[in-house]
Amino acid sequence: MRDQQSTMQTQNPISQAQNAVKSAKNATAQMQSHPTEQARTGAENAIAQAERAVAQAQTSENHQAIAELNEQLEEARKQLNQTNTD
């Protein structure tokens, strides 16, 4: 159990960025299906967190993963900007 906990705690910057981008995509999808100000705020916060995580992962040598994360993040931003809240 101890090894499993230490493995879970030591995520690398790429996996942290992947998780953050996934959360941002989920938050924007939630906002699209339920366009409220609260959902928009949640999506904006998730995108900001993903941006920070991707920026921290920029030092990685896995340039393809970073490029893919940036593309996914840009998609989330576009979805956010295209959804109106009432």
N, C-alpha and C. Protein backbone atom coordinates (compact mmCIF):
# COMPACT_ATOMS: atom_id res chain seq x y z
N MET A 1 0.82 -1.19 0.00
CA MET A 1 0.00 0.00 0.00
C MET A 1 0.87 1.26 0.00
N ARG A 2 1.95 1.21 0.72
CA ARG A 2 2.84 2.37 0.79
C ARG A 2 3.43 2.71 -0.57
N ASP A 3 3.84 1.71 -1.35
CA ASP A 3 4.38 1.95 -2.68
C ASP A 3 3.32 2.56 -3.59
N GLN A 4 2.11 2.08 -3.46
CA GLN A 4 1.03 2.60 -4.28
C GLN A 4 0.78 4.08 -3.96
N GLN A 5 0.83 4.45 -2.71
CA GLN A 5 0.62 5.84 -2.33
C GLN A 5 1.73 6.72 -2.86
N SER A 6 2.96 6.28 -2.77
CA SER A 6 4.06 7.11 -3.25
C SER A 6 4.01 7.26 -4.76
N THR A 7 3.57 6.23 -5.46
CA THR A 7 3.43 6.31 -6.91
C THR A 7 2.36 7.32 -7.27
N MET A 8 1.27 7.32 -6.54
CA MET A 8 0.19 8.23 -6.83
C MET A 8 0.59 9.68 -6.53
N GLN A 9 1.45 9.88 -5.57
CA GLN A 9 1.84 11.22 -5.18
C GLN A 9 2.91 11.81 -6.09
N THR A 10 3.62 11.00 -6.81
CA THR A 10 4.72 11.50 -7.63
C THR A 10 4.36 11.47 -9.11
N GLN A 11 3.32 12.19 -9.47
CA GLN A 11 2.97 12.31 -10.87
C GLN A 11 3.97 13.26 -11.54
N ASN A 12 4.27 12.96 -12.77
CA ASN A 12 5.18 13.86 -13.48
C ASN A 12 4.40 15.03 -14.08
N PRO A 13 5.08 16.08 -14.50
CA PRO A 13 4.38 17.26 -15.02
C PRO A 13 3.48 16.96 -16.22
N ILE A 14 3.87 16.00 -17.06
CA ILE A 14 3.03 15.66 -18.21
C ILE A 14 1.71 15.06 -17.74
N SER A 15 1.76 14.11 -16.83
CA SER A 15 0.51 13.48 -16.37
C SER A 15 -0.34 14.49 -15.60
N GLN A 16 0.28 15.39 -14.86
CA GLN A 16 -0.49 16.43 -14.17
C GLN A 16 -1.18 17.34 -15.18
N ALA A 17 -0.48 17.69 -16.24
CA ALA A 17 -1.06 18.53 -17.27
C ALA A 17 -2.18 17.80 -18.00
N GLN A 18 -1.98 16.51 -18.28
CA GLN A 18 -3.02 15.72 -18.93
C GLN A 18 -4.29 15.69 -18.07
N ASN A 19 -4.13 15.49 -16.78
CA ASN A 19 -5.27 15.47 -15.87
C ASN A 19 -5.97 16.83 -15.83
N ALA A 20 -5.19 17.90 -15.81
CA ALA A 20 -5.76 19.24 -15.76
C ALA A 20 -6.51 19.57 -17.05
N VAL A 21 -5.95 19.19 -18.19
CA VAL A 21 -6.62 19.44 -19.47
C VAL A 21 -7.90 18.61 -19.55
N LYS A 22 -7.86 17.39 -19.09
CA LYS A 22 -9.06 16.55 -19.07
C LYS A 22 -10.14 17.20 -18.22
N SER A 23 -9.77 17.73 -17.07
CA SER A 23 -10.73 18.42 -16.21
C SER A 23 -11.30 19.65 -16.89
N ALA A 24 -10.46 20.39 -17.60
CA ALA A 24 -10.91 21.58 -18.32
C ALA A 24 -11.90 21.20 -19.42
N LYS A 25 -11.61 20.13 -20.14
CA LYS A 25 -12.52 19.67 -21.19
C LYS A 25 -13.85 19.22 -20.58
N ASN A 26 -13.79 18.53 -19.46
CA ASN A 26 -15.02 18.10 -18.80
C ASN A 26 -15.83 19.29 -18.31
N ALA A 27 -15.15 20.29 -17.77
CA ALA A 27 -15.84 21.49 -17.27
C ALA A 27 -16.49 22.27 -18.40
N THR A 28 -15.84 22.36 -19.55
CA THR A 28 -16.45 23.08 -20.68
C THR A 28 -17.62 22.28 -21.25
N ALA A 29 -17.51 20.96 -21.26
CA ALA A 29 -18.64 20.13 -21.71
C ALA A 29 -19.82 20.30 -20.77
N GLN A 30 -19.55 20.34 -19.48
CA GLN A 30 -20.61 20.56 -18.48
C GLN A 30 -21.27 21.92 -18.71
N MET A 31 -20.46 22.92 -19.00
CA MET A 31 -21.00 24.25 -19.22
C MET A 31 -21.86 24.29 -20.48
N GLN A 32 -21.46 23.54 -21.50
CA GLN A 32 -22.24 23.52 -22.73
C GLN A 32 -23.60 22.88 -22.51
N SER A 33 -23.64 21.85 -21.69
CA SER A 33 -24.91 21.17 -21.46
C SER A 33 -25.78 21.90 -20.43
N HIS A 34 -25.15 22.64 -19.54
CA HIS A 34 -25.86 23.42 -18.51
C HIS A 34 -25.23 24.81 -18.43
N PRO A 35 -25.55 25.69 -19.40
CA PRO A 35 -24.88 26.99 -19.48
C PRO A 35 -25.33 27.97 -18.40
N THR A 36 -24.70 27.90 -17.26
CA THR A 36 -24.96 28.85 -16.17
C THR A 36 -23.68 29.62 -15.88
N GLU A 37 -23.83 30.71 -15.15
CA GLU A 37 -22.65 31.48 -14.78
C GLU A 37 -21.72 30.66 -13.89
N GLN A 38 -22.29 29.85 -13.02
CA GLN A 38 -21.48 29.01 -12.14
C GLN A 38 -20.68 28.00 -12.96
N ALA A 39 -21.31 27.42 -13.97
CA ALA A 39 -20.60 26.46 -14.83
C ALA A 39 -19.51 27.16 -15.63
N ARG A 40 -19.79 28.40 -16.09
CA ARG A 40 -18.78 29.16 -16.84
C ARG A 40 -17.59 29.46 -15.94
N THR A 41 -17.86 29.88 -14.72
CA THR A 41 -16.78 30.18 -13.79
C THR A 41 -15.94 28.93 -13.52
N GLY A 42 -16.60 27.80 -13.34
CA GLY A 42 -15.87 26.54 -13.13
C GLY A 42 -15.01 26.19 -14.32
N ALA A 43 -15.56 26.37 -15.53
CA ALA A 43 -14.79 26.07 -16.74
C ALA A 43 -13.61 27.02 -16.89
N GLU A 44 -13.84 28.31 -16.60
CA GLU A 44 -12.75 29.28 -16.69
C GLU A 44 -11.63 28.93 -15.71
N ASN A 45 -12.01 28.56 -14.50
CA ASN A 45 -11.01 28.17 -13.49
C ASN A 45 -10.26 26.91 -13.90
N ALA A 46 -10.98 25.94 -14.46
CA ALA A 46 -10.34 24.69 -14.89
C ALA A 46 -9.37 24.94 -16.04
N ILE A 47 -9.75 25.82 -16.95
CA ILE A 47 -8.87 26.16 -18.07
C ILE A 47 -7.62 26.88 -17.55
N ALA A 48 -7.80 27.79 -16.62
CA ALA A 48 -6.64 28.52 -16.06
C ALA A 48 -5.69 27.54 -15.36
N GLN A 49 -6.25 26.59 -14.64
CA GLN A 49 -5.41 25.60 -13.96
C GLN A 49 -4.68 24.73 -15.00
N ALA A 50 -5.38 24.36 -16.06
CA ALA A 50 -4.75 23.55 -17.11
C ALA A 50 -3.64 24.33 -17.81
N GLU A 51 -3.86 25.62 -18.02
CA GLU A 51 -2.83 26.46 -18.63
C GLU A 51 -1.56 26.46 -17.78
N ARG A 52 -1.74 26.58 -16.46
CA ARG A 52 -0.57 26.57 -15.57
C ARG A 52 0.13 25.22 -15.60
N ALA A 53 -0.65 24.14 -15.61
CA ALA A 53 -0.07 22.80 -15.62
C ALA A 53 0.69 22.54 -16.92
N VAL A 54 0.12 22.97 -18.04
CA VAL A 54 0.80 22.79 -19.33
C VAL A 54 2.06 23.64 -19.38
N ALA A 55 2.00 24.84 -18.84
CA ALA A 55 3.19 25.70 -18.80
C ALA A 55 4.31 25.04 -18.00
N GLN A 56 3.96 24.42 -16.88
CA GLN A 56 4.97 23.74 -16.07
C GLN A 56 5.54 22.52 -16.79
N ALA A 57 4.74 21.90 -17.64
CA ALA A 57 5.19 20.71 -18.36
C ALA A 57 6.03 21.06 -19.59
N GLN A 58 6.12 22.34 -19.93
CA GLN A 58 6.87 22.76 -21.12
C GLN A 58 8.33 22.34 -21.08
N THR A 59 8.86 22.12 -19.90
CA THR A 59 10.26 21.74 -19.78
C THR A 59 10.49 20.27 -20.16
N SER A 60 9.41 19.54 -20.33
CA SER A 60 9.51 18.13 -20.69
C SER A 60 10.10 17.97 -22.09
N GLU A 61 10.75 16.86 -22.29
CA GLU A 61 11.30 16.58 -23.61
C GLU A 61 10.27 15.92 -24.52
N ASN A 62 9.09 15.65 -24.01
CA ASN A 62 8.03 15.02 -24.80
C ASN A 62 7.25 16.13 -25.52
N HIS A 63 7.83 16.63 -26.58
CA HIS A 63 7.26 17.76 -27.30
C HIS A 63 5.92 17.43 -27.95
N GLN A 64 5.75 16.19 -28.38
CA GLN A 64 4.49 15.79 -29.00
C GLN A 64 3.35 15.83 -27.98
N ALA A 65 3.61 15.35 -26.78
CA ALA A 65 2.58 15.38 -25.73
C ALA A 65 2.20 16.82 -25.40
N ILE A 66 3.19 17.69 -25.32
CA ILE A 66 2.91 19.10 -25.03
C ILE A 66 2.09 19.73 -26.14
N ALA A 67 2.43 19.42 -27.39
CA ALA A 67 1.68 19.96 -28.52
C ALA A 67 0.23 19.48 -28.49
N GLU A 68 0.03 18.22 -28.19
CA GLU A 68 -1.33 17.68 -28.11
C GLU A 68 -2.12 18.32 -26.97
N LEU A 69 -1.46 18.52 -25.84
CA LEU A 69 -2.13 19.17 -24.71
C LEU A 69 -2.51 20.61 -25.06
N ASN A 70 -1.63 21.32 -25.75
CA ASN A 70 -1.95 22.68 -26.16
C ASN A 70 -3.13 22.72 -27.12
N GLU A 71 -3.20 21.75 -28.03
CA GLU A 71 -4.34 21.67 -28.96
C GLU A 71 -5.64 21.42 -28.21
N GLN A 72 -5.60 20.48 -27.27
CA GLN A 72 -6.80 20.16 -26.50
C GLN A 72 -7.23 21.35 -25.65
N LEU A 73 -6.28 22.06 -25.11
CA LEU A 73 -6.57 23.23 -24.30
C LEU A 73 -7.19 24.33 -25.17
N GLU A 74 -6.68 24.50 -26.36
CA GLU A 74 -7.24 25.49 -27.28
C GLU A 74 -8.68 25.13 -27.65
N GLU A 75 -8.97 23.84 -27.84
CA GLU A 75 -10.34 23.40 -28.10
C GLU A 75 -11.25 23.77 -26.94
N ALA A 76 -10.79 23.55 -25.73
CA ALA A 76 -11.59 23.88 -24.54
C ALA A 76 -11.85 25.38 -24.49
N ARG A 77 -10.84 26.19 -24.81
CA ARG A 77 -11.02 27.65 -24.82
C ARG A 77 -12.07 28.06 -25.85
N LYS A 78 -12.01 27.46 -27.04
CA LYS A 78 -12.98 27.78 -28.09
C LYS A 78 -14.39 27.41 -27.66
N GLN A 79 -14.54 26.24 -27.05
CA GLN A 79 -15.86 25.81 -26.58
C GLN A 79 -16.38 26.79 -25.54
N LEU A 80 -15.52 27.23 -24.66
CA LEU A 80 -15.91 28.19 -23.63
C LEU A 80 -16.40 29.48 -24.27
N ASN A 81 -15.67 29.97 -25.26
CA ASN A 81 -16.01 31.24 -25.89
C ASN A 81 -17.26 31.14 -26.76
N GLN A 82 -17.59 29.96 -27.24
CA GLN A 82 -18.75 29.78 -28.11
C GLN A 82 -20.04 29.55 -27.34
N THR A 83 -19.95 29.30 -26.05
CA THR A 83 -21.13 29.00 -25.26
C THR A 83 -21.58 30.24 -24.50
N ASN A 84 -22.82 30.61 -24.70
CA ASN A 84 -23.40 31.75 -24.00
C ASN A 84 -24.11 31.25 -22.76
N THR A 85 -24.03 32.02 -21.71
CA THR A 85 -24.77 31.72 -20.50
C THR A 85 -25.86 32.75 -20.33
N ASP A 86 -26.96 32.33 -19.78
CA ASP A 86 -28.09 33.24 -19.57
C ASP A 86 -28.20 33.67 -18.14
